Amino acid sequence: MTGTAVPVADGASPFAGGIRASWWYTVAGLVFFHLVVLGNWLLWLRQMPASAVLPAAPALAAAGVLLQLGAGVLLVRDYPRAAPEDDDADRHRKRRVAAATAAGGAGAVLVGVATGSWMLAVGAVAFLLTVRAWPHGIRFRLTVVLTVVLAGLWVVDAPRLSTAGTDDELARLAPTMLLLLPALSAFSLWWWDLLRELDRARQTAGAVSAMQERLRLASEVHDLQGHHLQVVALQLELAERLIDRDPAAAAEQIRTARASVDEARAGTRDLATRFRGVPLPDELANAADLLRAAGHDVQVTLGPGAEDAPADVLGPLVRESVTNVLKHGAGTRARISLRREADRWRYVIANDRHPAAGAGPGQGSGIAAIRDRIGALGGTVHVRSGDEFELAVEVPVGAGVAGVRA
């Protein structure tokens, strides 16, 4: 089982909302199952003969259930919160967890006394122990030990569980569910911890990838600029030596040095352009992955030679249109296509629209800005809106940023 949990910070991940929702589903499931287990035991208690039940059993059981549920809710709510670096805050958190465990333990004793069952008392405590945050491996061993203890107590409680006058099926169901409670609680928390760790690993992989890209860029800039600067330094040193005895040769070396500087500038500009640009098929694949992660069923169609499409023009358009789908789409399906038609590249993205959507993005300033940019290249933009929103953009072959500047 996993170690102490780490909180999911708001905005730390594009999937943070899903992680947070998964946690609350887990919390609700744990508390609900615990309530069902206690409820089954109380139903069994009601079927016991009056002579076998303490007069104050209902009141004790009700008080115990309330303490148990309150403690369980506090513990599972506190579970995803890691101990802060502030020692005082950490002490407060530990005191809060200890107080909740103690209150829940008192509730377990009351429920156990009300039912006369050691198994129920220990099982209620077992639930509280398994939903606490533990270092790596402890929860697994604790769950195994508690399950074995509960199985032994079932044998001890067997004569009382089969008391005449009670429903035999209910008498078997209640301890069976209690026996499974520690394992189910531990598995639910392990599953959520695994989900959170996968999200953290995805974020780490993205950060490592970005760092590798920066290191590669730094290496290429070093190689490019280092070479040219060394050449310029040698040429200027030679010009300095020649300036008195051969001014013409010195001037030639200075002109050569200036040419080397121009080459360095051009090389740096080309390098920056290369790092800024992502091949368009990769851009479309990234867009499809993003839409699928948001729950869309995505279909991507690429025509022959799609890698030759102008990435500097269509790349920003792909990112902008995908953002538009995420904001305005109904979130079920989308299709993307890129192909060459004669002397033009045609990019199309379409998605289903939310029933509550109004006039839609087709009437907004975003489409107007796209029309201006694409129009400056001699391209066209077509928008179709209905049950499905479709954006179709055509640009001439060979269009690029240079064309916009011209």
Protein backbone atom coordinates (compact mmCIF):
# COMPACT_ATOMS: atom_id res chain seq x y z
CA MET A 1 0.00 0.00 0.00
CA THR A 2 1.05 3.58 -0.44
CA GLY A 3 2.67 6.08 1.87
CA THR A 4 1.56 9.41 3.20
CA ALA A 5 -0.55 11.22 0.64
CA VAL A 6 0.34 14.41 -1.10
CA PRO A 7 -2.34 17.00 -1.74
CA VAL A 8 -3.47 17.85 -5.23
CA ALA A 9 -2.97 21.57 -5.63
CA ASP A 10 -5.56 23.50 -7.54
CA GLY A 11 -4.30 24.21 -11.02
CA ALA A 12 -1.29 21.91 -10.58
CA SER A 13 -2.46 19.73 -13.42
CA PRO A 14 -5.03 19.91 -16.21
CA PHE A 15 -6.40 16.69 -14.72
CA ALA A 16 -6.50 18.03 -11.15
CA GLY A 17 -10.30 18.30 -11.29
CA GLY A 18 -10.60 14.64 -12.27
CA ILE A 19 -8.18 13.56 -9.53
CA ARG A 20 -10.12 15.58 -6.98
CA ALA A 21 -13.45 14.14 -8.19
CA SER A 22 -12.03 10.61 -8.00
CA TRP A 23 -11.02 11.26 -4.42
CA TRP A 24 -14.50 12.36 -3.40
CA TYR A 25 -16.00 9.31 -5.14
CA THR A 26 -13.61 7.21 -3.05
CA VAL A 27 -14.56 9.05 0.15
CA ALA A 28 -18.26 8.64 -0.53
CA GLY A 29 -17.82 4.94 -1.29
CA LEU A 30 -15.84 4.27 1.89
CA VAL A 31 -18.24 6.12 4.18
CA PHE A 32 -21.28 4.57 2.49
CA PHE A 33 -19.92 1.03 2.79
CA HIS A 34 -19.03 1.63 6.44
CA LEU A 35 -22.57 2.88 7.05
CA VAL A 36 -24.01 -0.20 5.31
CA VAL A 37 -21.90 -2.51 7.49
CA LEU A 38 -23.04 -0.78 10.69
CA GLY A 39 -26.62 -0.74 9.44
CA ASN A 40 -26.59 -4.50 8.84
CA TRP A 41 -25.36 -5.11 12.36
CA LEU A 42 -28.04 -2.86 13.81
CA LEU A 43 -30.70 -4.67 11.79
CA TRP A 44 -29.40 -7.93 13.19
CA LEU A 45 -29.50 -6.40 16.68
CA ARG A 46 -33.18 -5.49 16.27
CA GLN A 47 -34.03 -9.15 15.54
CA MET A 48 -32.36 -10.36 18.73
CA PRO A 49 -34.68 -11.53 21.54
CA ALA A 50 -35.40 -8.76 24.02
CA SER A 51 -33.81 -10.79 26.81
CA ALA A 52 -30.49 -10.92 24.92
CA VAL A 53 -30.24 -7.16 24.33
CA LEU A 54 -29.22 -4.50 26.82
CA PRO A 55 -32.03 -2.03 27.64
CA ALA A 56 -29.84 0.87 26.58
CA ALA A 57 -28.54 -0.91 23.45
CA PRO A 58 -30.36 1.29 20.89
CA ALA A 59 -29.09 4.51 22.48
CA LEU A 60 -25.54 3.16 22.82
CA ALA A 61 -25.60 1.91 19.23
CA ALA A 62 -26.88 5.26 17.90
CA ALA A 63 -24.20 7.20 19.80
CA GLY A 64 -21.53 4.78 18.63
CA VAL A 65 -22.60 5.01 14.99
CA LEU A 66 -22.55 8.82 15.11
CA LEU A 67 -19.06 8.86 16.62
CA GLN A 68 -17.85 6.29 14.09
CA LEU A 69 -19.21 8.13 11.07
CA GLY A 70 -17.91 11.49 12.28
CA ALA A 71 -14.45 10.07 12.89
CA GLY A 72 -14.44 8.22 9.57
CA VAL A 73 -15.42 11.35 7.64
CA LEU A 74 -12.70 13.40 9.36
CA LEU A 75 -10.03 10.78 8.70
CA VAL A 76 -10.78 10.23 5.03
CA ARG A 77 -11.14 13.98 4.51
CA ASP A 78 -7.71 14.49 6.06
CA TYR A 79 -6.11 11.62 4.13
CA PRO A 80 -4.94 13.49 0.97
CA ARG A 81 -3.33 16.27 3.00
CA ALA A 82 0.39 15.79 3.41
CA ALA A 83 2.09 17.02 6.55
CA PRO A 84 3.07 20.65 5.89
CA GLU A 85 6.62 21.84 6.31
CA ASP A 86 5.41 24.00 9.20
CA ASP A 87 6.00 21.91 12.34
CA ASP A 88 3.19 23.65 14.24
CA ALA A 89 0.69 22.89 11.47
CA ASP A 90 1.97 19.31 11.35
CA ARG A 91 1.39 18.92 15.09
CA HIS A 92 -2.14 20.29 14.73
CA ARG A 93 -2.87 17.81 11.96
CA LYS A 94 -1.55 14.91 14.01
CA ARG A 95 -3.61 15.98 17.00
CA ARG A 96 -6.69 16.21 14.78
CA VAL A 97 -6.11 12.70 13.41
CA ALA A 98 -5.45 11.32 16.90
CA ALA A 99 -8.62 12.94 18.28
CA ALA A 100 -10.72 11.57 15.42
CA THR A 101 -9.27 8.09 15.93
CA ALA A 102 -9.94 8.25 19.67
CA ALA A 103 -13.53 9.42 19.13
CA GLY A 104 -14.10 6.70 16.55
CA GLY A 105 -12.59 4.13 18.92
CA ALA A 106 -15.02 5.23 21.64
CA GLY A 107 -17.87 4.86 19.15
CA ALA A 108 -16.63 1.37 18.26
CA VAL A 109 -16.69 0.39 21.95
CA LEU A 110 -20.26 1.68 22.33
CA VAL A 111 -21.44 -0.22 19.24
CA GLY A 112 -19.64 -3.34 20.43
CA VAL A 113 -21.22 -3.10 23.88
CA ALA A 114 -24.66 -2.52 22.35
CA THR A 115 -24.40 -5.63 20.20
CA GLY A 116 -22.29 -7.67 22.58
CA SER A 117 -19.90 -8.40 19.69
CA TRP A 118 -16.13 -8.18 19.91
CA MET A 119 -15.98 -8.57 16.14
CA LEU A 120 -18.01 -5.45 15.48
CA ALA A 121 -16.00 -3.36 17.96
CA VAL A 122 -12.66 -4.43 16.47
CA GLY A 123 -14.01 -4.14 12.91
CA ALA A 124 -15.10 -0.55 13.51
CA VAL A 125 -11.63 0.29 14.84
CA ALA A 126 -10.07 -1.55 11.88
CA PHE A 127 -11.91 0.75 9.47
CA LEU A 128 -10.48 3.83 11.19
CA LEU A 129 -6.97 2.39 11.14
CA THR A 130 -7.04 1.46 7.45
CA VAL A 131 -8.21 4.92 6.30
CA ARG A 132 -5.36 6.71 8.08
CA ALA A 133 -2.28 7.76 6.12
CA TRP A 134 0.58 5.35 6.79
CA PRO A 135 4.17 5.01 5.53
CA HIS A 136 4.71 2.68 2.59
CA GLY A 137 3.85 -0.97 3.29
CA ILE A 138 2.32 -0.52 6.74
CA ARG A 139 -1.30 -0.40 5.58
CA PHE A 140 -0.94 -3.68 3.71
CA ARG A 141 0.47 -5.52 6.73
CA LEU A 142 -2.06 -3.86 9.02
CA THR A 143 -4.93 -4.93 6.76
CA VAL A 144 -3.75 -8.55 6.73
CA VAL A 145 -3.42 -8.64 10.53
CA LEU A 146 -6.82 -7.02 11.11
CA THR A 147 -8.54 -9.39 8.68
CA VAL A 148 -7.04 -12.41 10.45
CA VAL A 149 -8.10 -11.02 13.84
CA LEU A 150 -11.65 -10.39 12.58
CA ALA A 151 -11.86 -13.91 11.21
CA GLY A 152 -10.87 -15.25 14.64
CA LEU A 153 -13.40 -13.04 16.40
CA TRP A 154 -16.08 -14.27 14.02
CA VAL A 155 -15.49 -17.74 15.43
CA VAL A 156 -15.71 -16.33 18.96
CA ASP A 157 -18.95 -14.48 18.17
CA ALA A 158 -20.47 -17.38 16.23
CA PRO A 159 -22.71 -18.61 19.08
CA ARG A 160 -24.21 -15.14 19.56
CA LEU A 161 -24.56 -14.57 15.80
CA SER A 162 -26.64 -17.73 15.48
CA THR A 163 -28.94 -16.91 18.40
CA ALA A 164 -32.40 -18.33 17.90
CA GLY A 165 -34.93 -15.94 16.55
CA THR A 166 -32.61 -14.08 14.16
CA ASP A 167 -32.35 -14.23 10.39
CA ASP A 168 -29.52 -16.66 9.59
CA GLU A 169 -28.81 -14.97 6.27
CA LEU A 170 -28.50 -11.57 7.95
CA ALA A 171 -26.38 -13.13 10.70
CA ARG A 172 -23.93 -14.31 8.01
CA LEU A 173 -24.07 -11.18 5.87
CA ALA A 174 -23.21 -8.73 8.65
CA PRO A 175 -19.90 -10.37 9.72
CA THR A 176 -18.95 -11.13 6.11
CA MET A 177 -19.21 -7.46 5.15
CA LEU A 178 -17.31 -6.50 8.31
CA LEU A 179 -14.57 -8.99 7.48
CA LEU A 180 -14.16 -7.38 4.03
CA LEU A 181 -14.25 -3.80 5.32
CA PRO A 182 -10.49 -3.33 6.07
CA ALA A 183 -9.40 -4.88 2.76
CA LEU A 184 -11.92 -2.89 0.73
CA SER A 185 -10.96 0.37 2.47
CA ALA A 186 -7.26 -0.26 1.92
CA PHE A 187 -7.79 -1.21 -1.72
CA SER A 188 -9.88 1.91 -2.39
CA LEU A 189 -7.17 4.17 -0.96
CA TRP A 190 -4.45 2.25 -2.82
CA TRP A 191 -6.36 2.74 -6.08
CA TRP A 192 -6.65 6.48 -5.51
CA ASP A 193 -2.99 6.78 -4.48
CA LEU A 194 -2.05 4.98 -7.68
CA LEU A 195 -4.18 7.37 -9.74
CA ARG A 196 -2.55 10.36 -8.05
CA GLU A 197 0.96 8.93 -8.56
CA LEU A 198 0.25 8.36 -12.25
CA ASP A 199 -0.80 11.99 -12.59
CA ARG A 200 2.35 13.12 -10.78
CA ALA A 201 4.45 10.87 -13.03
CA ARG A 202 2.83 12.39 -16.10
CA GLN A 203 3.64 15.89 -14.84
CA THR A 204 7.22 14.84 -14.03
CA ALA A 205 7.66 13.30 -17.48
CA GLY A 206 6.49 16.56 -19.04
CA ALA A 207 8.90 18.58 -16.90
CA VAL A 208 11.81 16.26 -17.74
CA SER A 209 10.97 16.48 -21.43
CA ALA A 210 10.94 20.28 -21.28
CA MET A 211 14.25 20.28 -19.39
CA GLN A 212 15.86 18.00 -21.98
CA GLU A 213 14.64 20.28 -24.72
CA ARG A 214 16.12 23.32 -22.96
CA LEU A 215 19.45 21.51 -22.48
CA ARG A 216 19.50 20.56 -26.15
CA LEU A 217 18.77 24.15 -27.13
CA ALA A 218 21.51 25.41 -24.80
CA SER A 219 23.97 22.93 -26.29
CA GLU A 220 23.18 23.95 -29.86
CA VAL A 221 23.38 27.66 -29.01
CA HIS A 222 26.74 27.06 -27.33
CA ASP A 223 28.10 25.17 -30.34
CA LEU A 224 26.80 27.74 -32.81
CA GLN A 225 27.80 30.90 -30.97
CA GLY A 226 31.06 29.45 -29.62
CA HIS A 227 32.30 28.62 -33.09
CA HIS A 228 31.43 31.98 -34.60
CA LEU A 229 32.73 33.98 -31.66
CA GLN A 230 36.04 32.16 -31.81
CA VAL A 231 36.34 32.87 -35.55
CA VAL A 232 35.43 36.55 -35.03
CA ALA A 233 37.98 36.86 -32.23
CA LEU A 234 40.75 35.45 -34.43
CA GLN A 235 39.82 37.68 -37.35
CA LEU A 236 39.77 40.82 -35.19
CA GLU A 237 43.09 39.87 -33.60
CA LEU A 238 44.59 39.49 -37.06
CA ALA A 239 43.10 42.82 -38.16
CA GLU A 240 44.66 44.48 -35.10
CA ARG A 241 48.10 43.17 -36.08
CA LEU A 242 47.71 44.27 -39.71
CA ILE A 243 46.16 47.68 -39.17
CA ASP A 244 49.52 49.57 -39.05
CA ARG A 245 51.46 47.82 -41.82
CA ASP A 246 48.61 46.73 -44.13
CA PRO A 247 45.40 48.69 -43.58
CA ALA A 248 43.71 47.14 -46.62
CA ALA A 249 44.25 43.60 -45.31
CA ALA A 250 43.07 44.68 -41.86
CA ALA A 251 39.89 46.14 -43.36
CA GLU A 252 39.30 42.88 -45.22
CA GLN A 253 39.59 40.93 -41.96
CA ILE A 254 37.12 43.30 -40.31
CA ARG A 255 34.66 42.78 -43.18
CA THR A 256 35.12 39.03 -42.82
CA ALA A 257 34.48 39.27 -39.08
CA ARG A 258 31.32 41.24 -39.74
CA ALA A 259 30.20 38.55 -42.18
CA SER A 260 30.82 35.93 -39.47
CA VAL A 261 28.65 37.95 -37.08
CA ASP A 262 25.88 38.01 -39.69
CA GLU A 263 26.21 34.24 -40.10
CA ALA A 264 25.94 33.80 -36.33
CA ARG A 265 22.81 35.92 -36.23
CA ALA A 266 21.24 34.02 -39.11
CA GLY A 267 22.15 30.69 -37.51
CA THR A 268 20.64 31.77 -34.20
CA ARG A 269 17.46 32.90 -35.93
CA ASP A 270 17.18 29.58 -37.81
CA LEU A 271 17.80 27.68 -34.59
CA ALA A 272 15.07 29.59 -32.78
CA THR A 273 12.67 28.98 -35.66
CA ARG A 274 13.46 25.29 -35.64
CA PHE A 275 12.82 24.97 -31.92
CA ARG A 276 9.62 26.99 -32.09
CA GLY A 277 8.18 24.92 -34.90
CA VAL A 278 6.62 21.50 -34.30
CA PRO A 279 5.87 19.29 -37.34
CA LEU A 280 2.19 19.64 -38.08
CA PRO A 281 1.39 15.89 -37.83
CA ASP A 282 2.87 15.97 -34.29
CA GLU A 283 0.83 19.07 -33.52
CA LEU A 284 -2.33 17.29 -34.66
CA ALA A 285 -1.45 14.16 -32.68
CA ASN A 286 -0.96 16.27 -29.54
CA ALA A 287 -4.30 17.98 -30.18
CA ALA A 288 -6.06 14.62 -30.54
CA ASP A 289 -4.48 13.35 -27.30
CA LEU A 290 -5.65 16.46 -25.47
CA LEU A 291 -9.21 16.08 -26.76
CA ARG A 292 -9.28 12.37 -25.87
CA ALA A 293 -8.05 13.19 -22.37
CA ALA A 294 -11.01 15.57 -22.08
CA GLY A 295 -13.41 12.74 -22.99
CA HIS A 296 -13.87 13.27 -26.76
CA ASP A 297 -14.03 10.49 -29.32
CA VAL A 298 -11.55 11.89 -31.85
CA GLN A 299 -11.04 10.95 -35.50
CA VAL A 300 -7.91 12.30 -37.24
CA THR A 301 -7.42 12.11 -41.01
CA LEU A 302 -4.11 13.17 -42.62
CA GLY A 303 -3.60 13.36 -46.33
CA PRO A 304 -0.34 12.49 -48.15
CA GLY A 305 2.51 14.91 -47.48
CA ALA A 306 0.89 16.45 -44.39
CA GLU A 307 4.35 16.99 -42.90
CA ASP A 308 4.98 19.61 -45.62
CA ALA A 309 2.04 21.78 -44.55
CA PRO A 310 3.03 25.25 -43.19
CA ALA A 311 3.37 24.56 -39.46
CA ASP A 312 4.06 28.21 -38.64
CA VAL A 313 0.61 29.13 -39.99
CA LEU A 314 -1.52 26.10 -39.17
CA GLY A 315 0.18 25.17 -35.87
CA PRO A 316 -1.21 28.15 -33.90
CA LEU A 317 -4.54 27.64 -35.65
CA VAL A 318 -4.68 24.00 -34.48
CA ARG A 319 -3.99 25.03 -30.88
CA GLU A 320 -6.57 27.83 -31.00
CA SER A 321 -9.27 25.66 -32.56
CA VAL A 322 -8.70 22.82 -30.08
CA THR A 323 -9.04 25.31 -27.22
CA ASN A 324 -12.30 26.42 -28.82
CA VAL A 325 -13.57 22.81 -28.86
CA LEU A 326 -12.66 22.32 -25.20
CA LYS A 327 -14.49 25.51 -24.22
CA HIS A 328 -17.63 25.20 -26.34
CA GLY A 329 -17.94 21.53 -27.32
CA ALA A 330 -20.33 19.04 -25.73
CA GLY A 331 -17.38 16.80 -25.02
CA THR A 332 -18.34 13.61 -26.85
CA ARG A 333 -16.86 13.63 -30.36
CA ALA A 334 -14.59 15.62 -32.65
CA ARG A 335 -12.92 15.10 -36.02
CA ILE A 336 -9.81 16.68 -37.49
CA SER A 337 -8.53 16.48 -41.03
CA LEU A 338 -5.64 17.97 -43.00
CA ARG A 339 -5.08 17.34 -46.69
CA ARG A 340 -3.80 19.05 -49.80
CA GLU A 341 -6.29 20.05 -52.49
CA ALA A 342 -4.54 21.25 -55.67
CA ASP A 343 -2.51 24.31 -54.65
CA ARG A 344 -4.07 24.74 -51.19
CA TRP A 345 -3.89 23.08 -47.78
CA ARG A 346 -7.29 22.43 -46.18
CA TYR A 347 -7.60 22.06 -42.39
CA VAL A 348 -10.98 21.11 -40.87
CA ILE A 349 -11.97 20.62 -37.25
CA ALA A 350 -15.53 19.78 -36.23
CA ASN A 351 -17.17 18.92 -32.94
CA ASP A 352 -20.59 18.33 -31.48
CA ARG A 353 -22.06 21.31 -29.68
CA HIS A 354 -23.59 21.52 -26.24
CA PRO A 355 -27.40 21.76 -26.40
CA ALA A 356 -27.29 24.89 -24.21
CA ALA A 357 -24.83 26.66 -26.53
CA GLY A 358 -26.06 29.91 -28.06
CA ALA A 359 -24.82 31.54 -31.22
CA GLY A 360 -21.52 29.80 -30.62
CA PRO A 361 -17.91 30.68 -31.24
CA GLY A 362 -18.47 31.22 -34.90
CA GLN A 363 -19.73 34.72 -34.19
CA GLY A 364 -16.95 35.71 -31.77
CA SER A 365 -13.81 37.75 -32.10
CA GLY A 366 -11.67 34.59 -32.23
CA ILE A 367 -12.98 33.60 -35.66
CA ALA A 368 -12.63 37.19 -36.87
CA ALA A 369 -8.97 37.18 -35.85
CA ILE A 370 -8.44 33.89 -37.68
CA ARG A 371 -10.09 35.34 -40.79
CA ASP A 372 -7.72 38.33 -40.69
CA ARG A 373 -4.60 36.20 -40.29
CA ILE A 374 -5.54 33.65 -42.93
CA GLY A 375 -6.86 36.36 -45.28
CA ALA A 376 -3.46 38.09 -45.16
CA LEU A 377 -1.99 34.89 -46.62
CA GLY A 378 -4.57 34.65 -49.36
CA GLY A 379 -6.48 31.91 -47.58
CA THR A 380 -10.15 31.47 -46.69
CA VAL A 381 -12.09 30.55 -43.54
CA HIS A 382 -15.49 28.84 -43.58
CA VAL A 383 -17.67 28.25 -40.51
CA ARG A 384 -20.67 25.94 -40.35
CA SER A 385 -22.80 25.88 -37.23
CA GLY A 386 -25.72 23.65 -36.27
CA ASP A 387 -25.81 20.44 -34.30
CA GLU A 388 -22.12 20.32 -35.20
CA PHE A 389 -19.69 23.21 -35.31
CA GLU A 390 -17.15 23.04 -38.15
CA LEU A 391 -14.21 25.31 -38.90
CA ALA A 392 -12.59 24.86 -42.32
CA VAL A 393 -9.45 26.79 -43.24
CA GLU A 394 -7.67 26.82 -46.61
CA VAL A 395 -4.21 28.36 -47.15
CA PRO A 396 -2.07 28.44 -50.29
CA VAL A 397 0.78 25.96 -50.57
CA GLY A 398 3.98 27.69 -49.46
CA ALA A 399 2.18 30.16 -47.21
CA GLY A 400 4.14 31.12 -44.11
CA VAL A 401 4.95 33.83 -41.65
CA ALA A 402 7.08 35.51 -44.26
CA GLY A 403 3.97 35.95 -46.38
CA VAL A 404 2.15 37.67 -43.53
CA ARG A 405 5.05 40.09 -43.05
CA ALA A 406 5.11 40.86 -46.76
